[in-house]
Amino acid sequence: RDNSLKYARNFVKSAPKYDQILVLGPIEAPIFTIRGWHRYRILLQGTLQAKVQEYIKSWLLNIKIPAHIKLSIDVDPYSFC
């Protein structure tokens, strides 16, 4: 749990600075543990002009994801559970 929270916080800190996108989190997901995995959420809030998908791509190019971390991205999620 501590490692996943530490990684999530460092992941948010590594976010590129961009005036049109606000990075919020990490916070625990409503269903925090699934099959032993701890889940955190990070929300990106952007203006209508913001190119969020390009922002995410450039963000991910500059980080390393450890083998023990599973990162998934849901653009325009139907549900935020």
N, C-alpha and C. Protein backbone atom coordinates (compact mmCIF):
# COMPACT_ATOMS: atom_id res chain seq x y z
N ARG A 1 0.83 -1.20 0.00
CA ARG A 1 0.00 0.00 0.00
C ARG A 1 0.87 1.26 0.00
N ASP A 2 1.89 1.28 0.86
CA ASP A 2 2.75 2.46 0.95
C ASP A 2 3.47 2.72 -0.36
N ASN A 3 3.94 1.65 -1.02
CA ASN A 3 4.65 1.82 -2.29
C ASN A 3 3.74 2.36 -3.38
N SER A 4 2.51 1.87 -3.42
CA SER A 4 1.60 2.34 -4.47
C SER A 4 1.21 3.79 -4.24
N LEU A 5 0.99 4.18 -2.99
CA LEU A 5 0.67 5.58 -2.71
C LEU A 5 1.87 6.47 -3.01
N LYS A 6 3.04 6.04 -2.65
CA LYS A 6 4.26 6.81 -2.93
C LYS A 6 4.43 7.00 -4.44
N TYR A 7 4.22 5.93 -5.20
CA TYR A 7 4.34 6.04 -6.64
C TYR A 7 3.28 6.98 -7.20
N ALA A 8 2.04 6.86 -6.72
CA ALA A 8 0.97 7.72 -7.22
C ALA A 8 1.28 9.19 -6.95
N ARG A 9 1.81 9.49 -5.77
CA ARG A 9 2.17 10.88 -5.46
C ARG A 9 3.30 11.37 -6.36
N ASN A 10 4.31 10.53 -6.57
CA ASN A 10 5.42 10.92 -7.44
C ASN A 10 4.95 11.07 -8.89
N PHE A 11 4.02 10.23 -9.28
CA PHE A 11 3.46 10.32 -10.63
C PHE A 11 2.79 11.67 -10.84
N VAL A 12 2.00 12.09 -9.87
CA VAL A 12 1.33 13.40 -9.96
C VAL A 12 2.36 14.53 -9.98
N LYS A 13 3.38 14.43 -9.14
CA LYS A 13 4.42 15.46 -9.11
C LYS A 13 5.15 15.58 -10.44
N SER A 14 5.22 14.47 -11.20
CA SER A 14 5.93 14.48 -12.47
C SER A 14 5.09 15.03 -13.62
N ALA A 15 3.84 15.39 -13.34
CA ALA A 15 2.95 15.89 -14.39
C ALA A 15 3.50 17.19 -14.98
N PRO A 16 3.50 17.28 -16.32
CA PRO A 16 3.94 18.52 -16.96
C PRO A 16 3.03 19.69 -16.56
N LYS A 17 3.61 20.85 -16.42
CA LYS A 17 2.83 22.04 -16.10
C LYS A 17 2.17 22.56 -17.37
N TYR A 18 0.87 22.75 -17.29
CA TYR A 18 0.11 23.23 -18.44
C TYR A 18 -1.09 23.99 -17.90
N ASP A 19 -1.23 25.26 -18.27
CA ASP A 19 -2.26 26.13 -17.71
C ASP A 19 -3.69 25.61 -17.92
N GLN A 20 -3.91 24.88 -18.99
CA GLN A 20 -5.28 24.47 -19.32
C GLN A 20 -5.69 23.14 -18.70
N ILE A 21 -4.77 22.49 -17.97
CA ILE A 21 -5.09 21.20 -17.36
C ILE A 21 -4.68 21.21 -15.89
N LEU A 22 -5.62 20.80 -15.05
CA LEU A 22 -5.39 20.70 -13.61
C LEU A 22 -5.34 19.22 -13.25
N VAL A 23 -4.29 18.83 -12.51
CA VAL A 23 -4.13 17.44 -12.09
C VAL A 23 -4.54 17.36 -10.62
N LEU A 24 -5.52 16.51 -10.32
CA LEU A 24 -6.05 16.37 -8.96
C LEU A 24 -5.80 14.95 -8.44
N GLY A 25 -5.41 14.83 -7.20
CA GLY A 25 -5.21 13.53 -6.59
C GLY A 25 -3.75 13.33 -6.24
N PRO A 26 -3.39 12.15 -5.89
CA PRO A 26 -4.18 10.92 -5.91
C PRO A 26 -5.07 10.79 -4.67
N ILE A 27 -6.16 10.09 -4.86
CA ILE A 27 -7.05 9.72 -3.74
C ILE A 27 -7.36 8.24 -3.87
N GLU A 28 -7.76 7.62 -2.77
CA GLU A 28 -8.14 6.21 -2.81
C GLU A 28 -9.41 6.06 -3.63
N ALA A 29 -9.45 5.01 -4.43
CA ALA A 29 -10.66 4.69 -5.19
C ALA A 29 -11.74 4.21 -4.23
N PRO A 30 -13.03 4.37 -4.57
CA PRO A 30 -14.10 3.91 -3.69
C PRO A 30 -13.95 2.42 -3.32
N ILE A 31 -13.60 1.60 -4.28
CA ILE A 31 -13.26 0.20 -4.00
C ILE A 31 -11.74 0.18 -4.02
N PHE A 32 -11.15 0.32 -2.85
CA PHE A 32 -9.72 0.57 -2.74
C PHE A 32 -8.87 -0.65 -3.06
N THR A 33 -9.28 -1.83 -2.62
CA THR A 33 -8.47 -3.03 -2.85
C THR A 33 -9.27 -4.04 -3.66
N ILE A 34 -8.67 -4.49 -4.75
CA ILE A 34 -9.27 -5.54 -5.58
C ILE A 34 -8.19 -6.58 -5.83
N ARG A 35 -8.44 -7.80 -5.41
CA ARG A 35 -7.50 -8.92 -5.57
C ARG A 35 -6.10 -8.56 -5.11
N GLY A 36 -6.02 -7.85 -3.99
CA GLY A 36 -4.73 -7.50 -3.41
C GLY A 36 -4.08 -6.26 -3.98
N TRP A 37 -4.67 -5.68 -5.02
CA TRP A 37 -4.12 -4.45 -5.62
C TRP A 37 -4.78 -3.24 -4.97
N HIS A 38 -3.99 -2.25 -4.60
CA HIS A 38 -4.52 -1.00 -4.04
C HIS A 38 -4.71 -0.02 -5.20
N ARG A 39 -5.85 0.65 -5.18
CA ARG A 39 -6.19 1.52 -6.31
C ARG A 39 -6.29 2.98 -5.87
N TYR A 40 -5.69 3.84 -6.68
CA TYR A 40 -5.77 5.28 -6.46
C TYR A 40 -6.26 5.92 -7.74
N ARG A 41 -6.85 7.09 -7.57
CA ARG A 41 -7.37 7.84 -8.72
C ARG A 41 -6.66 9.17 -8.86
N ILE A 42 -6.47 9.54 -10.10
CA ILE A 42 -5.94 10.85 -10.44
C ILE A 42 -6.89 11.41 -11.50
N LEU A 43 -7.36 12.61 -11.28
CA LEU A 43 -8.31 13.23 -12.19
C LEU A 43 -7.64 14.38 -12.91
N LEU A 44 -7.84 14.43 -14.22
CA LEU A 44 -7.36 15.57 -15.01
C LEU A 44 -8.58 16.39 -15.40
N GLN A 45 -8.50 17.67 -15.11
CA GLN A 45 -9.60 18.58 -15.44
C GLN A 45 -9.03 19.61 -16.41
N GLY A 46 -9.64 19.69 -17.58
CA GLY A 46 -9.11 20.60 -18.59
C GLY A 46 -10.18 21.48 -19.22
N THR A 47 -9.73 22.53 -19.84
CA THR A 47 -10.63 23.40 -20.59
C THR A 47 -11.06 22.69 -21.86
N LEU A 48 -12.03 23.25 -22.54
CA LEU A 48 -12.48 22.65 -23.80
C LEU A 48 -11.38 22.67 -24.86
N GLN A 49 -10.48 23.64 -24.77
CA GLN A 49 -9.39 23.76 -25.74
C GLN A 49 -8.20 22.85 -25.42
N ALA A 50 -8.15 22.32 -24.22
CA ALA A 50 -7.02 21.50 -23.80
C ALA A 50 -6.97 20.20 -24.59
N LYS A 51 -5.79 19.83 -24.98
CA LYS A 51 -5.59 18.57 -25.70
C LYS A 51 -5.12 17.53 -24.67
N VAL A 52 -6.09 16.98 -23.95
CA VAL A 52 -5.80 16.11 -22.81
C VAL A 52 -5.07 14.84 -23.24
N GLN A 53 -5.47 14.23 -24.32
CA GLN A 53 -4.83 12.99 -24.75
C GLN A 53 -3.36 13.22 -25.12
N GLU A 54 -3.07 14.32 -25.78
CA GLU A 54 -1.67 14.65 -26.10
C GLU A 54 -0.88 14.93 -24.82
N TYR A 55 -1.52 15.58 -23.87
CA TYR A 55 -0.89 15.86 -22.58
C TYR A 55 -0.52 14.55 -21.88
N ILE A 56 -1.45 13.60 -21.86
CA ILE A 56 -1.20 12.31 -21.21
C ILE A 56 -0.06 11.58 -21.91
N LYS A 57 -0.07 11.58 -23.25
CA LYS A 57 1.01 10.91 -24.00
C LYS A 57 2.37 11.48 -23.64
N SER A 58 2.47 12.80 -23.61
CA SER A 58 3.77 13.41 -23.30
C SER A 58 4.17 13.13 -21.85
N TRP A 59 3.21 13.06 -20.95
CA TRP A 59 3.46 12.75 -19.54
C TRP A 59 4.02 11.34 -19.41
N LEU A 60 3.39 10.39 -20.09
CA LEU A 60 3.80 8.99 -19.98
C LEU A 60 5.16 8.72 -20.63
N LEU A 61 5.53 9.51 -21.61
CA LEU A 61 6.84 9.33 -22.26
C LEU A 61 7.99 9.66 -21.32
N ASN A 62 7.73 10.45 -20.30
CA ASN A 62 8.79 10.92 -19.41
C ASN A 62 8.85 10.20 -18.07
N ILE A 63 8.14 9.09 -17.93
CA ILE A 63 8.16 8.36 -16.66
C ILE A 63 8.48 6.89 -16.90
N LYS A 64 8.92 6.25 -15.85
CA LYS A 64 9.11 4.80 -15.87
C LYS A 64 8.08 4.20 -14.92
N ILE A 65 7.41 3.16 -15.38
CA ILE A 65 6.41 2.49 -14.56
C ILE A 65 7.03 1.18 -14.06
N PRO A 66 7.23 1.06 -12.76
CA PRO A 66 7.82 -0.17 -12.21
C PRO A 66 6.95 -1.39 -12.50
N ALA A 67 7.57 -2.54 -12.52
CA ALA A 67 6.86 -3.79 -12.83
C ALA A 67 5.75 -4.09 -11.82
N HIS A 68 5.91 -3.65 -10.58
CA HIS A 68 4.90 -3.95 -9.56
C HIS A 68 3.75 -2.95 -9.55
N ILE A 69 3.75 -2.00 -10.47
CA ILE A 69 2.68 -1.00 -10.57
C ILE A 69 1.90 -1.24 -11.86
N LYS A 70 0.59 -1.24 -11.76
CA LYS A 70 -0.28 -1.35 -12.94
C LYS A 70 -0.97 -0.01 -13.12
N LEU A 71 -0.76 0.61 -14.25
CA LEU A 71 -1.34 1.91 -14.54
C LEU A 71 -2.36 1.76 -15.66
N SER A 72 -3.57 2.23 -15.42
CA SER A 72 -4.57 2.22 -16.48
C SER A 72 -5.17 3.61 -16.59
N ILE A 73 -5.50 3.97 -17.82
CA ILE A 73 -6.03 5.30 -18.10
C ILE A 73 -7.39 5.15 -18.76
N ASP A 74 -8.36 5.87 -18.25
CA ASP A 74 -9.71 5.84 -18.80
C ASP A 74 -10.08 7.28 -19.19
N VAL A 75 -10.10 7.54 -20.47
CA VAL A 75 -10.47 8.86 -20.96
C VAL A 75 -11.98 8.91 -21.07
N ASP A 76 -12.59 9.92 -20.50
CA ASP A 76 -14.04 10.08 -20.46
C ASP A 76 -14.72 8.83 -19.89
N PRO A 77 -14.42 8.50 -18.62
CA PRO A 77 -15.01 7.29 -18.02
C PRO A 77 -16.54 7.42 -17.91
N TYR A 78 -17.20 6.32 -18.14
CA TYR A 78 -18.67 6.28 -18.00
C TYR A 78 -19.02 6.42 -16.53
N SER A 79 -18.26 5.74 -15.71
CA SER A 79 -18.48 5.76 -14.28
C SER A 79 -17.15 6.04 -13.61
N PHE A 80 -17.18 6.74 -12.49
CA PHE A 80 -15.93 7.06 -11.79
C PHE A 80 -15.86 6.27 -10.51
N CYS A 81 -16.21 4.96 -10.58
CA CYS A 81 -16.21 4.08 -9.40
C CYS A 81 -14.88 3.40 -9.23
